[in-house]
Amino acid sequence: MQAFHAGTALRAFGAAAPVFGVFVGIAISTLLWYLIVQRRSNIARWVVVVLFAFGAIGLVWTVASGRLALDLSGLLGLVRLLVQAFAVAQLFLAESRPWFSKNK
């Protein structure tokens, strides 16, 4: 009987872990926005706000520590944060309040 080697299994999964993480992140984001748009969920709205705040704090920390990549990746990260800021701000406009307060 051959012994199980955790290192081998971990290495095999390790190559797929970043791709898996991206898909999980996209799935969670899609679910949250579905709940906001279709189900009018205030809880999902606040979860998006908290996740955006974590991302903004992370970006500020990255810039302050001088680790922001000044290439396409860094630029896309900044653009993503600006687009998210715009989307989150739209959730709290006066026009949005009736949407979230209507009966489901």
C-alpha atoms as a PDB file:
ATOM      1  CA  MET A   1       0.000   0.000   0.000  1.00  0.00           C
ATOM      2  CA  GLN A   2       1.425   3.330  -1.048  1.00  0.00           C
ATOM      3  CA  ALA A   3       1.592   6.075   1.569  1.00  0.00           C
ATOM      4  CA  PHE A   4      -0.351   9.282   0.972  1.00  0.00           C
ATOM      5  CA  HIS A   5       1.946  12.231   0.440  1.00  0.00           C
ATOM      6  CA  ALA A   6       0.259  15.490   1.412  1.00  0.00           C
ATOM      7  CA  GLY A   7       2.961  17.499  -0.318  1.00  0.00           C
ATOM      8  CA  THR A   8       2.211  15.913  -3.694  1.00  0.00           C
ATOM      9  CA  ALA A   9      -1.524  16.513  -3.373  1.00  0.00           C
ATOM     10  CA  LEU A  10      -0.958  20.080  -2.240  1.00  0.00           C
ATOM     11  CA  ARG A  11       1.354  20.812  -5.152  1.00  0.00           C
ATOM     12  CA  ALA A  12      -1.179  19.418  -7.610  1.00  0.00           C
ATOM     13  CA  PHE A  13      -3.939  21.628  -6.197  1.00  0.00           C
ATOM     14  CA  GLY A  14      -1.579  24.566  -5.720  1.00  0.00           C
ATOM     15  CA  ALA A  15      -1.393  25.276  -9.441  1.00  0.00           C
ATOM     16  CA  ALA A  16      -5.181  25.496  -9.701  1.00  0.00           C
ATOM     17  CA  ALA A  17      -5.734  27.451  -6.484  1.00  0.00           C
ATOM     18  CA  PRO A  18      -5.432  30.961  -7.986  1.00  0.00           C
ATOM     19  CA  VAL A  19      -7.832  30.099 -10.802  1.00  0.00           C
ATOM     20  CA  PHE A  20     -10.255  28.536  -8.344  1.00  0.00           C
ATOM     21  CA  GLY A  21     -10.007  31.637  -6.144  1.00  0.00           C
ATOM     22  CA  VAL A  22     -10.839  33.922  -9.057  1.00  0.00           C
ATOM     23  CA  PHE A  23     -13.916  31.870  -9.943  1.00  0.00           C
ATOM     24  CA  VAL A  24     -15.094  31.813  -6.323  1.00  0.00           C
ATOM     25  CA  GLY A  25     -14.654  35.593  -6.106  1.00  0.00           C
ATOM     26  CA  ILE A  26     -16.625  36.123  -9.312  1.00  0.00           C
ATOM     27  CA  ALA A  27     -19.370  33.789  -8.100  1.00  0.00           C
ATOM     28  CA  ILE A  28     -19.692  35.596  -4.761  1.00  0.00           C
ATOM     29  CA  SER A  29     -19.741  39.005  -6.440  1.00  0.00           C
ATOM     30  CA  THR A  30     -22.343  37.869  -8.965  1.00  0.00           C
ATOM     31  CA  LEU A  31     -24.514  36.423  -6.202  1.00  0.00           C
ATOM     32  CA  LEU A  32     -24.331  39.628  -4.158  1.00  0.00           C
ATOM     33  CA  TRP A  33     -25.260  41.836  -7.109  1.00  0.00           C
ATOM     34  CA  TYR A  34     -28.086  39.449  -8.051  1.00  0.00           C
ATOM     35  CA  LEU A  35     -29.456  39.723  -4.516  1.00  0.00           C
ATOM     36  CA  ILE A  36     -29.218  43.519  -4.672  1.00  0.00           C
ATOM     37  CA  VAL A  37     -30.743  43.944  -8.123  1.00  0.00           C
ATOM     38  CA  GLN A  38     -33.359  41.199  -8.212  1.00  0.00           C
ATOM     39  CA  ARG A  39     -34.153  40.530  -4.554  1.00  0.00           C
ATOM     40  CA  ARG A  40     -33.679  44.094  -3.212  1.00  0.00           C
ATOM     41  CA  SER A  41     -31.558  42.778  -0.360  1.00  0.00           C
ATOM     42  CA  ASN A  42     -30.329  45.396   2.093  1.00  0.00           C
ATOM     43  CA  ILE A  43     -28.036  42.827   3.686  1.00  0.00           C
ATOM     44  CA  ALA A  44     -26.307  42.163   0.360  1.00  0.00           C
ATOM     45  CA  ARG A  45     -26.038  45.908  -0.197  1.00  0.00           C
ATOM     46  CA  TRP A  46     -24.162  46.344   3.083  1.00  0.00           C
ATOM     47  CA  VAL A  47     -21.972  43.299   2.430  1.00  0.00           C
ATOM     48  CA  VAL A  48     -20.913  44.920  -0.866  1.00  0.00           C
ATOM     49  CA  VAL A  49     -20.141  48.147   1.001  1.00  0.00           C
ATOM     50  CA  VAL A  50     -17.997  46.315   3.574  1.00  0.00           C
ATOM     51  CA  LEU A  51     -16.125  44.358   0.897  1.00  0.00           C
ATOM     52  CA  PHE A  52     -15.545  47.580  -1.047  1.00  0.00           C
ATOM     53  CA  ALA A  53     -14.198  49.245   2.112  1.00  0.00           C
ATOM     54  CA  PHE A  54     -11.771  46.352   2.651  1.00  0.00           C
ATOM     55  CA  GLY A  55     -10.601  46.702  -0.946  1.00  0.00           C
ATOM     56  CA  ALA A  56     -10.161  50.467  -0.601  1.00  0.00           C
ATOM     57  CA  ILE A  57      -8.214  50.059   2.652  1.00  0.00           C
ATOM     58  CA  GLY A  58      -6.054  47.439   0.959  1.00  0.00           C
ATOM     59  CA  LEU A  59      -5.326  49.785  -1.923  1.00  0.00           C
ATOM     60  CA  VAL A  60      -4.428  52.641   0.423  1.00  0.00           C
ATOM     61  CA  TRP A  61      -2.132  50.276   2.339  1.00  0.00           C
ATOM     62  CA  THR A  62      -0.510  49.137  -0.911  1.00  0.00           C
ATOM     63  CA  VAL A  63       0.074  52.707  -2.081  1.00  0.00           C
ATOM     64  CA  ALA A  64       1.354  53.825   1.344  1.00  0.00           C
ATOM     65  CA  SER A  65       3.831  50.955   1.501  1.00  0.00           C
ATOM     66  CA  GLY A  66       5.075  51.688  -2.010  1.00  0.00           C
ATOM     67  CA  ARG A  67       4.095  48.287  -3.370  1.00  0.00           C
ATOM     68  CA  LEU A  68       1.604  49.445  -6.010  1.00  0.00           C
ATOM     69  CA  ALA A  69       2.664  48.031  -9.348  1.00  0.00           C
ATOM     70  CA  LEU A  70       2.987  50.826 -11.887  1.00  0.00           C
ATOM     71  CA  ASP A  71       1.994  48.637 -14.802  1.00  0.00           C
ATOM     72  CA  LEU A  72      -1.219  47.459 -16.446  1.00  0.00           C
ATOM     73  CA  SER A  73      -2.157  45.386 -13.400  1.00  0.00           C
ATOM     74  CA  GLY A  74      -1.882  48.355 -11.041  1.00  0.00           C
ATOM     75  CA  LEU A  75      -3.778  50.609 -13.417  1.00  0.00           C
ATOM     76  CA  LEU A  76      -6.587  48.073 -13.796  1.00  0.00           C
ATOM     77  CA  GLY A  77      -6.788  47.748 -10.014  1.00  0.00           C
ATOM     78  CA  LEU A  78      -7.241  51.509  -9.684  1.00  0.00           C
ATOM     79  CA  VAL A  79      -9.876  51.581 -12.434  1.00  0.00           C
ATOM     80  CA  ARG A  80     -11.694  48.649 -10.791  1.00  0.00           C
ATOM     81  CA  LEU A  81     -11.771  50.492  -7.483  1.00  0.00           C
ATOM     82  CA  LEU A  82     -13.131  53.658  -9.120  1.00  0.00           C
ATOM     83  CA  VAL A  83     -15.869  51.722 -10.923  1.00  0.00           C
ATOM     84  CA  GLN A  84     -16.773  49.934  -7.685  1.00  0.00           C
ATOM     85  CA  ALA A  85     -16.886  53.255  -5.832  1.00  0.00           C
ATOM     86  CA  PHE A  86     -19.319  54.583  -8.430  1.00  0.00           C
ATOM     87  CA  ALA A  87     -21.494  51.453  -8.204  1.00  0.00           C
ATOM     88  CA  VAL A  88     -21.560  51.489  -4.395  1.00  0.00           C
ATOM     89  CA  ALA A  89     -22.431  55.193  -4.388  1.00  0.00           C
ATOM     90  CA  GLN A  90     -25.380  54.465  -6.687  1.00  0.00           C
ATOM     91  CA  LEU A  91     -26.794  52.101  -4.062  1.00  0.00           C
ATOM     92  CA  PHE A  92     -27.334  55.024  -1.689  1.00  0.00           C
ATOM     93  CA  LEU A  93     -28.752  57.701  -3.992  1.00  0.00           C
ATOM     94  CA  ALA A  94     -32.185  59.141  -3.256  1.00  0.00           C
ATOM     95  CA  GLU A  95     -33.519  57.332  -6.327  1.00  0.00           C
ATOM     96  CA  SER A  96     -32.352  53.996  -4.886  1.00  0.00           C
ATOM     97  CA  ARG A  97     -34.146  54.265  -1.558  1.00  0.00           C
ATOM     98  CA  PRO A  98     -37.630  53.476  -2.926  1.00  0.00           C
ATOM     99  CA  TRP A  99     -36.232  50.393  -4.671  1.00  0.00           C
ATOM    100  CA  PHE A 100     -34.960  48.913  -1.419  1.00  0.00           C
ATOM    101  CA  SER A 101     -37.974  49.955   0.628  1.00  0.00           C
ATOM    102  CA  LYS A 102     -40.643  48.439  -1.672  1.00  0.00           C
ATOM    103  CA  ASN A 103     -42.354  45.251  -0.606  1.00  0.00           C
ATOM    104  CA  LYS A 104     -40.666  42.211  -2.030  1.00  0.00           C
END
